[in-house]
Amino acid sequence: MAAGLVKGHVVVKYSSKIRTRSRSAKKSASTHACRELAREVMGLAPYEKRLLDVLKAGAGNVEKRMYKMAKKRLGTHRRAIKKRDEITAYWGKLRQANA
């Protein structure tokens, strides 16, 4: 039986590699163009259409309901707020185009 500081099988402890993440918020021009084209061709996702319907109906506290639906689908507070603002802006553009 091995006991003590220098007894037993010698093992090398490996340190885990430090993973770096890109945290830059700036989108490249090509990425922006691709996403715009995809939005134009495919339109809204089904959950985004439901958010738009809630906004169009306008009953009750619309902002809060949109936020709750978006958060349930997207998972985080920031993403939900961003999506709510995006859909609101989209609806504003649609109304301007039709007027």
PDB file of N, CA and C in Angstrom:
ATOM      1  N   MET A   1       0.845  -1.176   0.000  1.00  0.00           N
ATOM      2  CA  MET A   1       0.000   0.000   0.000  1.00  0.00           C
ATOM      3  C   MET A   1       0.890   1.239   0.000  1.00  0.00           C
ATOM      4  N   ALA A   2       0.601   2.161  -0.926  1.00  0.00           N
ATOM      5  CA  ALA A   2       1.404   3.373  -1.033  1.00  0.00           C
ATOM      6  C   ALA A   2       0.791   4.481  -0.203  1.00  0.00           C
ATOM      7  N   ALA A   3       1.627   5.159   0.553  1.00  0.00           N
ATOM      8  CA  ALA A   3       1.145   6.265   1.372  1.00  0.00           C
ATOM      9  C   ALA A   3       2.223   7.322   1.449  1.00  0.00           C
ATOM     10  N   GLY A   4       1.835   8.576   1.657  1.00  0.00           N
ATOM     11  CA  GLY A   4       2.821   9.640   1.778  1.00  0.00           C
ATOM     12  C   GLY A   4       2.845  10.530   0.550  1.00  0.00           C
ATOM     13  N   LEU A   5       3.788  11.478   0.562  1.00  0.00           N
ATOM     14  CA  LEU A   5       3.840  12.468  -0.509  1.00  0.00           C
ATOM     15  C   LEU A   5       4.391  11.925  -1.823  1.00  0.00           C
ATOM     16  N   VAL A   6       5.453  11.125  -1.775  1.00  0.00           N
ATOM     17  CA  VAL A   6       6.126  10.721  -3.002  1.00  0.00           C
ATOM     18  C   VAL A   6       5.850   9.261  -3.343  1.00  0.00           C
ATOM     19  N   LYS A   7       4.888   8.644  -2.739  1.00  0.00           N
ATOM     20  CA  LYS A   7       4.607   7.227  -2.975  1.00  0.00           C
ATOM     21  C   LYS A   7       3.518   7.072  -4.036  1.00  0.00           C
ATOM     22  N   GLY A   8       3.448   5.944  -4.641  1.00  0.00           N
ATOM     23  CA  GLY A   8       2.376   5.619  -5.574  1.00  0.00           C
ATOM     24  C   GLY A   8       2.736   5.924  -7.017  1.00  0.00           C
ATOM     25  N   HIS A   9       1.781   5.697  -7.895  1.00  0.00           N
ATOM     26  CA  HIS A   9       1.955   5.859  -9.336  1.00  0.00           C
ATOM     27  C   HIS A   9       2.017   7.341  -9.710  1.00  0.00           C
ATOM     28  N   VAL A  10       3.013   7.720 -10.508  1.00  0.00           N
ATOM     29  CA  VAL A  10       3.188   9.109 -10.905  1.00  0.00           C
ATOM     30  C   VAL A  10       2.224   9.435 -12.053  1.00  0.00           C
ATOM     31  N   VAL A  11       1.450  10.477 -11.891  1.00  0.00           N
ATOM     32  CA  VAL A  11       0.480  10.871 -12.910  1.00  0.00           C
ATOM     33  C   VAL A  11       0.750  12.312 -13.308  1.00  0.00           C
ATOM     34  N   VAL A  12       0.603  12.614 -14.609  1.00  0.00           N
ATOM     35  CA  VAL A  12       0.779  13.977 -15.088  1.00  0.00           C
ATOM     36  C   VAL A  12      -0.601  14.622 -15.168  1.00  0.00           C
ATOM     37  N   LYS A  13      -0.781  15.729 -14.490  1.00  0.00           N
ATOM     38  CA  LYS A  13      -2.057  16.420 -14.519  1.00  0.00           C
ATOM     39  C   LYS A  13      -2.046  17.401 -15.686  1.00  0.00           C
ATOM     40  N   TYR A  14      -2.988  17.203 -16.595  1.00  0.00           N
ATOM     41  CA  TYR A  14      -3.069  18.072 -17.764  1.00  0.00           C
ATOM     42  C   TYR A  14      -3.962  19.267 -17.452  1.00  0.00           C
ATOM     43  N   SER A  15      -3.482  20.429 -17.869  1.00  0.00           N
ATOM     44  CA  SER A  15      -4.322  21.618 -17.690  1.00  0.00           C
ATOM     45  C   SER A  15      -5.192  21.763 -18.937  1.00  0.00           C
ATOM     46  N   SER A  16      -6.436  22.141 -18.750  1.00  0.00           N
ATOM     47  CA  SER A  16      -7.342  22.285 -19.886  1.00  0.00           C
ATOM     48  C   SER A  16      -6.961  23.529 -20.686  1.00  0.00           C
ATOM     49  N   LYS A  17      -7.141  23.433 -21.987  1.00  0.00           N
ATOM     50  CA  LYS A  17      -6.815  24.555 -22.854  1.00  0.00           C
ATOM     51  C   LYS A  17      -7.833  25.673 -22.639  1.00  0.00           C
ATOM     52  N   ILE A  18      -7.356  26.890 -22.682  1.00  0.00           N
ATOM     53  CA  ILE A  18      -8.241  28.039 -22.527  1.00  0.00           C
ATOM     54  C   ILE A  18      -8.932  28.280 -23.861  1.00  0.00           C
ATOM     55  N   ARG A  19     -10.262  28.247 -23.819  1.00  0.00           N
ATOM     56  CA  ARG A  19     -11.020  28.468 -25.046  1.00  0.00           C
ATOM     57  C   ARG A  19     -11.389  29.938 -25.141  1.00  0.00           C
ATOM     58  N   THR A  20     -11.154  30.503 -26.295  1.00  0.00           N
ATOM     59  CA  THR A  20     -11.505  31.904 -26.485  1.00  0.00           C
ATOM     60  C   THR A  20     -12.751  31.986 -27.353  1.00  0.00           C
ATOM     61  N   ARG A  21     -13.586  32.937 -27.043  1.00  0.00           N
ATOM     62  CA  ARG A  21     -14.790  33.159 -27.819  1.00  0.00           C
ATOM     63  C   ARG A  21     -14.730  34.526 -28.449  1.00  0.00           C
ATOM     64  N   SER A  22     -15.280  34.620 -29.633  1.00  0.00           N
ATOM     65  CA  SER A  22     -15.358  35.919 -30.282  1.00  0.00           C
ATOM     66  C   SER A  22     -16.545  36.668 -29.690  1.00  0.00           C
ATOM     67  N   ARG A  23     -16.304  37.794 -29.089  1.00  0.00           N
ATOM     68  CA  ARG A  23     -17.386  38.553 -28.469  1.00  0.00           C
ATOM     69  C   ARG A  23     -17.654  39.849 -29.218  1.00  0.00           C
ATOM     70  N   SER A  24     -17.166  39.927 -30.435  1.00  0.00           N
ATOM     71  CA  SER A  24     -17.387  41.166 -31.175  1.00  0.00           C
ATOM     72  C   SER A  24     -18.841  41.216 -31.628  1.00  0.00           C
ATOM     73  N   ALA A  25     -19.470  42.329 -31.435  1.00  0.00           N
ATOM     74  CA  ALA A  25     -20.879  42.475 -31.767  1.00  0.00           C
ATOM     75  C   ALA A  25     -21.073  42.924 -33.212  1.00  0.00           C
ATOM     76  N   LYS A  26     -19.979  43.289 -33.880  1.00  0.00           N
ATOM     77  CA  LYS A  26     -20.096  43.825 -35.225  1.00  0.00           C
ATOM     78  C   LYS A  26     -20.259  42.691 -36.235  1.00  0.00           C
ATOM     79  N   LYS A  27     -21.314  42.786 -37.044  1.00  0.00           N
ATOM     80  CA  LYS A  27     -21.542  41.797 -38.090  1.00  0.00           C
ATOM     81  C   LYS A  27     -20.788  42.215 -39.348  1.00  0.00           C
ATOM     82  N   SER A  28     -20.325  41.230 -40.078  1.00  0.00           N
ATOM     83  CA  SER A  28     -19.662  41.561 -41.330  1.00  0.00           C
ATOM     84  C   SER A  28     -20.731  41.953 -42.349  1.00  0.00           C
ATOM     85  N   ALA A  29     -20.308  42.638 -43.368  1.00  0.00           N
ATOM     86  CA  ALA A  29     -21.245  43.123 -44.385  1.00  0.00           C
ATOM     87  C   ALA A  29     -21.901  41.965 -45.123  1.00  0.00           C
ATOM     88  N   SER A  30     -21.128  40.909 -45.377  1.00  0.00           N
ATOM     89  CA  SER A  30     -21.676  39.766 -46.109  1.00  0.00           C
ATOM     90  C   SER A  30     -22.714  39.028 -45.269  1.00  0.00           C
ATOM     91  N   THR A  31     -22.461  38.891 -43.964  1.00  0.00           N
ATOM     92  CA  THR A  31     -23.420  38.247 -43.075  1.00  0.00           C
ATOM     93  C   THR A  31     -24.718  39.047 -43.030  1.00  0.00           C
ATOM     94  N   HIS A  32     -24.594  40.357 -42.920  1.00  0.00           N
ATOM     95  CA  HIS A  32     -25.759  41.230 -42.880  1.00  0.00           C
ATOM     96  C   HIS A  32     -26.574  41.094 -44.164  1.00  0.00           C
ATOM     97  N   ALA A  33     -25.890  41.076 -45.296  1.00  0.00           N
ATOM     98  CA  ALA A  33     -26.573  40.962 -46.587  1.00  0.00           C
ATOM     99  C   ALA A  33     -27.288  39.618 -46.720  1.00  0.00           C
ATOM    100  N   CYS A  34     -26.632  38.546 -46.265  1.00  0.00           N
ATOM    101  CA  CYS A  34     -27.230  37.210 -46.336  1.00  0.00           C
ATOM    102  C   CYS A  34     -28.489  37.126 -45.479  1.00  0.00           C
ATOM    103  N   ARG A  35     -28.427  37.685 -44.278  1.00  0.00           N
ATOM    104  CA  ARG A  35     -29.579  37.631 -43.380  1.00  0.00           C
ATOM    105  C   ARG A  35     -30.739  38.469 -43.903  1.00  0.00           C
ATOM    106  N   GLU A  36     -30.430  39.610 -44.494  1.00  0.00           N
ATOM    107  CA  GLU A  36     -31.474  40.445 -45.093  1.00  0.00           C
ATOM    108  C   GLU A  36     -32.154  39.720 -46.239  1.00  0.00           C
ATOM    109  N   LEU A  37     -31.356  39.062 -47.070  1.00  0.00           N
ATOM    110  CA  LEU A  37     -31.892  38.327 -48.212  1.00  0.00           C
ATOM    111  C   LEU A  37     -32.770  37.168 -47.736  1.00  0.00           C
ATOM    112  N   ALA A  38     -32.302  36.453 -46.712  1.00  0.00           N
ATOM    113  CA  ALA A  38     -33.072  35.329 -46.170  1.00  0.00           C
ATOM    114  C   ALA A  38     -34.407  35.816 -45.609  1.00  0.00           C
ATOM    115  N   ARG A  39     -34.400  36.939 -44.914  1.00  0.00           N
ATOM    116  CA  ARG A  39     -35.634  37.495 -44.343  1.00  0.00           C
ATOM    117  C   ARG A  39     -36.606  37.885 -45.447  1.00  0.00           C
ATOM    118  N   GLU A  40     -36.053  38.466 -46.533  1.00  0.00           N
ATOM    119  CA  GLU A  40     -36.887  38.907 -47.644  1.00  0.00           C
ATOM    120  C   GLU A  40     -37.508  37.723 -48.374  1.00  0.00           C
ATOM    121  N   VAL A  41     -36.732  36.667 -48.568  1.00  0.00           N
ATOM    122  CA  VAL A  41     -37.209  35.510 -49.323  1.00  0.00           C
ATOM    123  C   VAL A  41     -38.159  34.646 -48.489  1.00  0.00           C
ATOM    124  N   MET A  42     -37.752  34.340 -47.251  1.00  0.00           N
ATOM    125  CA  MET A  42     -38.517  33.387 -46.447  1.00  0.00           C
ATOM    126  C   MET A  42     -39.577  34.033 -45.565  1.00  0.00           C
ATOM    127  N   GLY A  43     -39.432  35.301 -45.270  1.00  0.00           N
ATOM    128  CA  GLY A  43     -40.415  35.957 -44.417  1.00  0.00           C
ATOM    129  C   GLY A  43     -40.195  35.642 -42.952  1.00  0.00           C
ATOM    130  N   LEU A  44     -41.274  35.683 -42.180  1.00  0.00           N
ATOM    131  CA  LEU A  44     -41.188  35.482 -40.735  1.00  0.00           C
ATOM    132  C   LEU A  44     -41.331  34.003 -40.382  1.00  0.00           C
ATOM    133  N   ALA A  45     -40.715  33.640 -39.256  1.00  0.00           N
ATOM    134  CA  ALA A  45     -40.899  32.304 -38.699  1.00  0.00           C
ATOM    135  C   ALA A  45     -42.295  32.233 -38.081  1.00  0.00           C
ATOM    136  N   PRO A  46     -42.843  31.030 -37.899  1.00  0.00           N
ATOM    137  CA  PRO A  46     -44.192  30.919 -37.329  1.00  0.00           C
ATOM    138  C   PRO A  46     -44.368  31.624 -35.986  1.00  0.00           C
ATOM    139  N   TYR A  47     -43.379  31.525 -35.099  1.00  0.00           N
ATOM    140  CA  TYR A  47     -43.515  32.190 -33.801  1.00  0.00           C
ATOM    141  C   TYR A  47     -43.464  33.712 -33.957  1.00  0.00           C
ATOM    142  N   GLU A  48     -42.721  34.186 -34.970  1.00  0.00           N
ATOM    143  CA  GLU A  48     -42.671  35.625 -35.228  1.00  0.00           C
ATOM    144  C   GLU A  48     -44.011  36.117 -35.778  1.00  0.00           C
ATOM    145  N   LYS A  49     -44.675  35.272 -36.555  1.00  0.00           N
ATOM    146  CA  LYS A  49     -46.007  35.626 -37.054  1.00  0.00           C
ATOM    147  C   LYS A  49     -46.998  35.733 -35.905  1.00  0.00           C
ATOM    148  N   ARG A  50     -46.870  34.848 -34.915  1.00  0.00           N
ATOM    149  CA  ARG A  50     -47.748  34.924 -33.743  1.00  0.00           C
ATOM    150  C   ARG A  50     -47.491  36.212 -32.965  1.00  0.00           C
ATOM    151  N   LEU A  51     -46.223  36.590 -32.838  1.00  0.00           N
ATOM    152  CA  LEU A  51     -45.895  37.853 -32.174  1.00  0.00           C
ATOM    153  C   LEU A  51     -46.521  39.031 -32.917  1.00  0.00           C
ATOM    154  N   LEU A  52     -46.459  38.974 -34.232  1.00  0.00           N
ATOM    155  CA  LEU A  52     -47.029  40.040 -35.052  1.00  0.00           C
ATOM    156  C   LEU A  52     -48.547  40.096 -34.896  1.00  0.00           C
ATOM    157  N   ASP A  53     -49.189  38.931 -34.798  1.00  0.00           N
ATOM    158  CA  ASP A  53     -50.637  38.887 -34.593  1.00  0.00           C
ATOM    159  C   ASP A  53     -51.024  39.509 -33.264  1.00  0.00           C
ATOM    160  N   VAL A  54     -50.231  39.235 -32.226  1.00  0.00           N
ATOM    161  CA  VAL A  54     -50.493  39.838 -30.910  1.00  0.00           C
ATOM    162  C   VAL A  54     -50.388  41.351 -31.015  1.00  0.00           C
ATOM    163  N   LEU A  55     -49.390  41.816 -31.744  1.00  0.00           N
ATOM    164  CA  LEU A  55     -49.188  43.260 -31.915  1.00  0.00           C
ATOM    165  C   LEU A  55     -50.336  43.886 -32.703  1.00  0.00           C
ATOM    166  N   LYS A  56     -50.786  43.177 -33.752  1.00  0.00           N
ATOM    167  CA  LYS A  56     -51.881  43.694 -34.580  1.00  0.00           C
ATOM    168  C   LYS A  56     -53.187  43.765 -33.784  1.00  0.00           C
ATOM    169  N   ALA A  57     -53.434  42.744 -32.959  1.00  0.00           N
ATOM    170  CA  ALA A  57     -54.672  42.705 -32.179  1.00  0.00           C
ATOM    171  C   ALA A  57     -54.719  43.879 -31.207  1.00  0.00           C
ATOM    172  N   GLY A  58     -53.618  44.126 -30.531  1.00  0.00           N
ATOM    173  CA  GLY A  58     -53.499  45.302 -29.679  1.00  0.00           C
ATOM    174  C   GLY A  58     -54.342  45.289 -28.426  1.00  0.00           C
ATOM    175  N   ALA A  59     -54.760  44.111 -27.976  1.00  0.00           N
ATOM    176  CA  ALA A  59     -55.591  44.045 -26.770  1.00  0.00           C
ATOM    177  C   ALA A  59     -54.708  43.823 -25.545  1.00  0.00           C
ATOM    178  N   GLY A  60     -54.938  44.598 -24.509  1.00  0.00           N
ATOM    179  CA  GLY A  60     -54.172  44.421 -23.272  1.00  0.00           C
ATOM    180  C   GLY A  60     -52.776  45.001 -23.377  1.00  0.00           C
ATOM    181  N   ASN A  61     -51.899  44.480 -22.552  1.00  0.00           N
ATOM    182  CA  ASN A  61     -50.514  44.944 -22.527  1.00  0.00           C
ATOM    183  C   ASN A  61     -49.713  44.189 -23.591  1.00  0.00           C
ATOM    184  N   VAL A  62     -49.717  44.738 -24.785  1.00  0.00           N
ATOM    185  CA  VAL A  62     -49.137  44.065 -25.953  1.00  0.00           C
ATOM    186  C   VAL A  62     -47.638  43.809 -25.781  1.00  0.00           C
ATOM    187  N   GLU A  63     -46.924  44.823 -25.319  1.00  0.00           N
ATOM    188  CA  GLU A  63     -45.466  44.703 -25.178  1.00  0.00           C
ATOM    189  C   GLU A  63     -45.106  43.539 -24.251  1.00  0.00           C
ATOM    190  N   LYS A  64     -45.834  43.442 -23.144  1.00  0.00           N
ATOM    191  CA  LYS A  64     -45.546  42.397 -22.158  1.00  0.00           C
ATOM    192  C   LYS A  64     -45.861  41.007 -22.716  1.00  0.00           C
ATOM    193  N   ARG A  65     -46.979  40.897 -23.426  1.00  0.00           N
ATOM    194  CA  ARG A  65     -47.352  39.597 -23.987  1.00  0.00           C
ATOM    195  C   ARG A  65     -46.365  39.152 -25.054  1.00  0.00           C
ATOM    196  N   MET A  66     -45.940  40.117 -25.879  1.00  0.00           N
ATOM    197  CA  MET A  66     -44.947  39.793 -26.911  1.00  0.00           C
ATOM    198  C   MET A  66     -43.648  39.340 -26.264  1.00  0.00           C
ATOM    199  N   TYR A  67     -43.248  40.049 -25.209  1.00  0.00           N
ATOM    200  CA  TYR A  67     -42.013  39.707 -24.508  1.00  0.00           C
ATOM    201  C   TYR A  67     -42.088  38.289 -23.935  1.00  0.00           C
ATOM    202  N   LYS A  68     -43.212  37.971 -23.287  1.00  0.00           N
ATOM    203  CA  LYS A  68     -43.359  36.655 -22.656  1.00  0.00           C
ATOM    204  C   LYS A  68     -43.322  35.530 -23.689  1.00  0.00           C
ATOM    205  N   MET A  69     -43.997  35.748 -24.828  1.00  0.00           N
ATOM    206  CA  MET A  69     -43.995  34.735 -25.886  1.00  0.00           C
ATOM    207  C   MET A  69     -42.595  34.556 -26.469  1.00  0.00           C
ATOM    208  N   ALA A  70     -41.918  35.677 -26.694  1.00  0.00           N
ATOM    209  CA  ALA A  70     -40.569  35.620 -27.278  1.00  0.00           C
ATOM    210  C   ALA A  70     -39.590  34.972 -26.309  1.00  0.00           C
ATOM    211  N   LYS A  71     -39.714  35.274 -25.019  1.00  0.00           N
ATOM    212  CA  LYS A  71     -38.796  34.721 -24.030  1.00  0.00           C
ATOM    213  C   LYS A  71     -38.976  33.218 -23.906  1.00  0.00           C
ATOM    214  N   LYS A  72     -40.214  32.772 -23.970  1.00  0.00           N
ATOM    215  CA  LYS A  72     -40.485  31.335 -23.894  1.00  0.00           C
ATOM    216  C   LYS A  72     -39.845  30.617 -25.084  1.00  0.00           C
ATOM    217  N   ARG A  73     -39.868  31.261 -26.251  1.00  0.00           N
ATOM    218  CA  ARG A  73     -39.350  30.630 -27.463  1.00  0.00           C
ATOM    219  C   ARG A  73     -37.822  30.763 -27.564  1.00  0.00           C
ATOM    220  N   LEU A  74     -37.291  31.938 -27.174  1.00  0.00           N
ATOM    221  CA  LEU A  74     -35.868  32.216 -27.381  1.00  0.00           C
ATOM    222  C   LEU A  74     -35.007  31.925 -26.161  1.00  0.00           C
ATOM    223  N   GLY A  75     -35.588  32.001 -24.963  1.00  0.00           N
ATOM    224  CA  GLY A  75     -34.854  31.570 -23.783  1.00  0.00           C
ATOM    225  C   GLY A  75     -34.242  32.640 -22.911  1.00  0.00           C
ATOM    226  N   THR A  76     -33.867  33.784 -23.456  1.00  0.00           N
ATOM    227  CA  THR A  76     -33.207  34.785 -22.624  1.00  0.00           C
ATOM    228  C   THR A  76     -33.919  36.133 -22.705  1.00  0.00           C
ATOM    229  N   HIS A  77     -33.723  36.922 -21.678  1.00  0.00           N
ATOM    230  CA  HIS A  77     -34.330  38.248 -21.556  1.00  0.00           C
ATOM    231  C   HIS A  77     -33.903  39.161 -22.710  1.00  0.00           C
ATOM    232  N   ARG A  78     -32.598  39.216 -22.953  1.00  0.00           N
ATOM    233  CA  ARG A  78     -32.072  40.121 -23.984  1.00  0.00           C
ATOM    234  C   ARG A  78     -32.579  39.766 -25.374  1.00  0.00           C
ATOM    235  N   ARG A  79     -32.562  38.460 -25.681  1.00  0.00           N
ATOM    236  CA  ARG A  79     -33.022  38.031 -27.003  1.00  0.00           C
ATOM    237  C   ARG A  79     -34.497  38.341 -27.191  1.00  0.00           C
ATOM    238  N   ALA A  80     -35.271  38.151 -26.132  1.00  0.00           N
ATOM    239  CA  ALA A  80     -36.712  38.414 -26.208  1.00  0.00           C
ATOM    240  C   ALA A  80     -36.982  39.895 -26.457  1.00  0.00           C
ATOM    241  N   ILE A  81     -36.283  40.745 -25.747  1.00  0.00           N
ATOM    242  CA  ILE A  81     -36.473  42.192 -25.925  1.00  0.00           C
ATOM    243  C   ILE A  81     -36.055  42.610 -27.337  1.00  0.00           C
ATOM    244  N   LYS A  82     -34.946  42.068 -27.809  1.00  0.00           N
ATOM    245  CA  LYS A  82     -34.462  42.395 -29.143  1.00  0.00           C
ATOM    246  C   LYS A  82     -35.460  41.946 -30.214  1.00  0.00           C
ATOM    247  N   LYS A  83     -36.020  40.746 -30.035  1.00  0.00           N
ATOM    248  CA  LYS A  83     -36.990  40.222 -30.990  1.00  0.00           C
ATOM    249  C   LYS A  83     -38.273  41.040 -30.967  1.00  0.00           C
ATOM    250  N   ARG A  84     -38.728  41.429 -29.770  1.00  0.00           N
ATOM    251  CA  ARG A  84     -39.928  42.254 -29.639  1.00  0.00           C
ATOM    252  C   ARG A  84     -39.747  43.573 -30.380  1.00  0.00           C
ATOM    253  N   ASP A  85     -38.589  44.198 -30.202  1.00  0.00           N
ATOM    254  CA  ASP A  85     -38.307  45.464 -30.883  1.00  0.00           C
ATOM    255  C   ASP A  85     -38.219  45.270 -32.399  1.00  0.00           C
ATOM    256  N   GLU A  86     -37.639  44.151 -32.810  1.00  0.00           N
ATOM    257  CA  GLU A  86     -37.494  43.857 -34.234  1.00  0.00           C
ATOM    258  C   GLU A  86     -38.869  43.692 -34.896  1.00  0.00           C
ATOM    259  N   ILE A  87     -39.763  42.959 -34.241  1.00  0.00           N
ATOM    260  CA  ILE A  87     -41.095  42.735 -34.793  1.00  0.00           C
ATOM    261  C   ILE A  87     -41.900  44.037 -34.801  1.00  0.00           C
ATOM    262  N   THR A  88     -41.737  44.853 -33.763  1.00  0.00           N
ATOM    263  CA  THR A  88     -42.421  46.145 -33.712  1.00  0.00           C
ATOM    264  C   THR A  88     -41.956  47.038 -34.862  1.00  0.00           C
ATOM    265  N   ALA A  89     -40.649  47.063 -35.122  1.00  0.00           N
ATOM    266  CA  ALA A  89     -40.110  47.857 -36.234  1.00  0.00           C
ATOM    267  C   ALA A  89     -40.612  47.324 -37.573  1.00  0.00           C
ATOM    268  N   TYR A  90     -40.675  45.994 -37.692  1.00  0.00           N
ATOM    269  CA  TYR A  90     -41.162  45.341 -38.917  1.00  0.00           C
ATOM    270  C   TYR A  90     -42.607  45.751 -39.188  1.00  0.00           C
ATOM    271  N   TRP A  91     -43.439  45.759 -38.131  1.00  0.00           N
ATOM    272  CA  TRP A  91     -44.828  46.154 -38.261  1.00  0.00           C
ATOM    273  C   TRP A  91     -44.952  47.628 -38.655  1.00  0.00           C
ATOM    274  N   GLY A  92     -44.070  48.466 -38.110  1.00  0.00           N
ATOM    275  CA  GLY A  92     -44.073  49.879 -38.476  1.00  0.00           C
ATOM    276  C   GLY A  92     -43.746  50.074 -39.952  1.00  0.00           C
ATOM    277  N   LYS A  93     -42.776  49.318 -40.462  1.00  0.00           N
ATOM    278  CA  LYS A  93     -42.413  49.412 -41.882  1.00  0.00           C
ATOM    279  C   LYS A  93     -43.556  48.934 -42.780  1.00  0.00           C
ATOM    280  N   LEU A  94     -44.229  47.853 -42.357  1.00  0.00           N
ATOM    281  CA  LEU A  94     -45.369  47.351 -43.133  1.00  0.00           C
ATOM    282  C   LEU A  94     -46.490  48.387 -43.210  1.00  0.00           C
ATOM    283  N   ARG A  95     -46.753  49.046 -42.091  1.00  0.00           N
ATOM    284  CA  ARG A  95     -47.814  50.035 -42.049  1.00  0.00           C
ATOM    285  C   ARG A  95     -47.455  51.254 -42.915  1.00  0.00           C
ATOM    286  N   GLN A  96     -46.173  51.636 -42.905  1.00  0.00           N
ATOM    287  CA  GLN A  96     -45.733  52.762 -43.731  1.00  0.00           C
ATOM    288  C   GLN A  96     -45.855  52.421 -45.216  1.00  0.00           C
ATOM    289  N   ALA A  97     -45.512  51.176 -45.568  1.00  0.00           N
ATOM    290  CA  ALA A  97     -45.566  50.762 -46.959  1.00  0.00           C
ATOM    291  C   ALA A  97     -47.011  50.727 -47.469  1.00  0.00           C
ATOM    292  N   ASN A  98     -47.939  50.324 -46.605  1.00  0.00           N
ATOM    293  CA  ASN A  98     -49.348  50.238 -47.002  1.00  0.00           C
ATOM    294  C   ASN A  98     -50.051  51.593 -46.987  1.00  0.00           C
ATOM    295  N   ALA A  99     -49.507  52.543 -46.244  1.00  0.00           N
ATOM    296  CA  ALA A  99     -50.173  53.856 -46.136  1.00  0.00           C
ATOM    297  C   ALA A  99     -49.796  54.796 -47.255  1.00  0.00           C
TER     298      ALA A  99
END
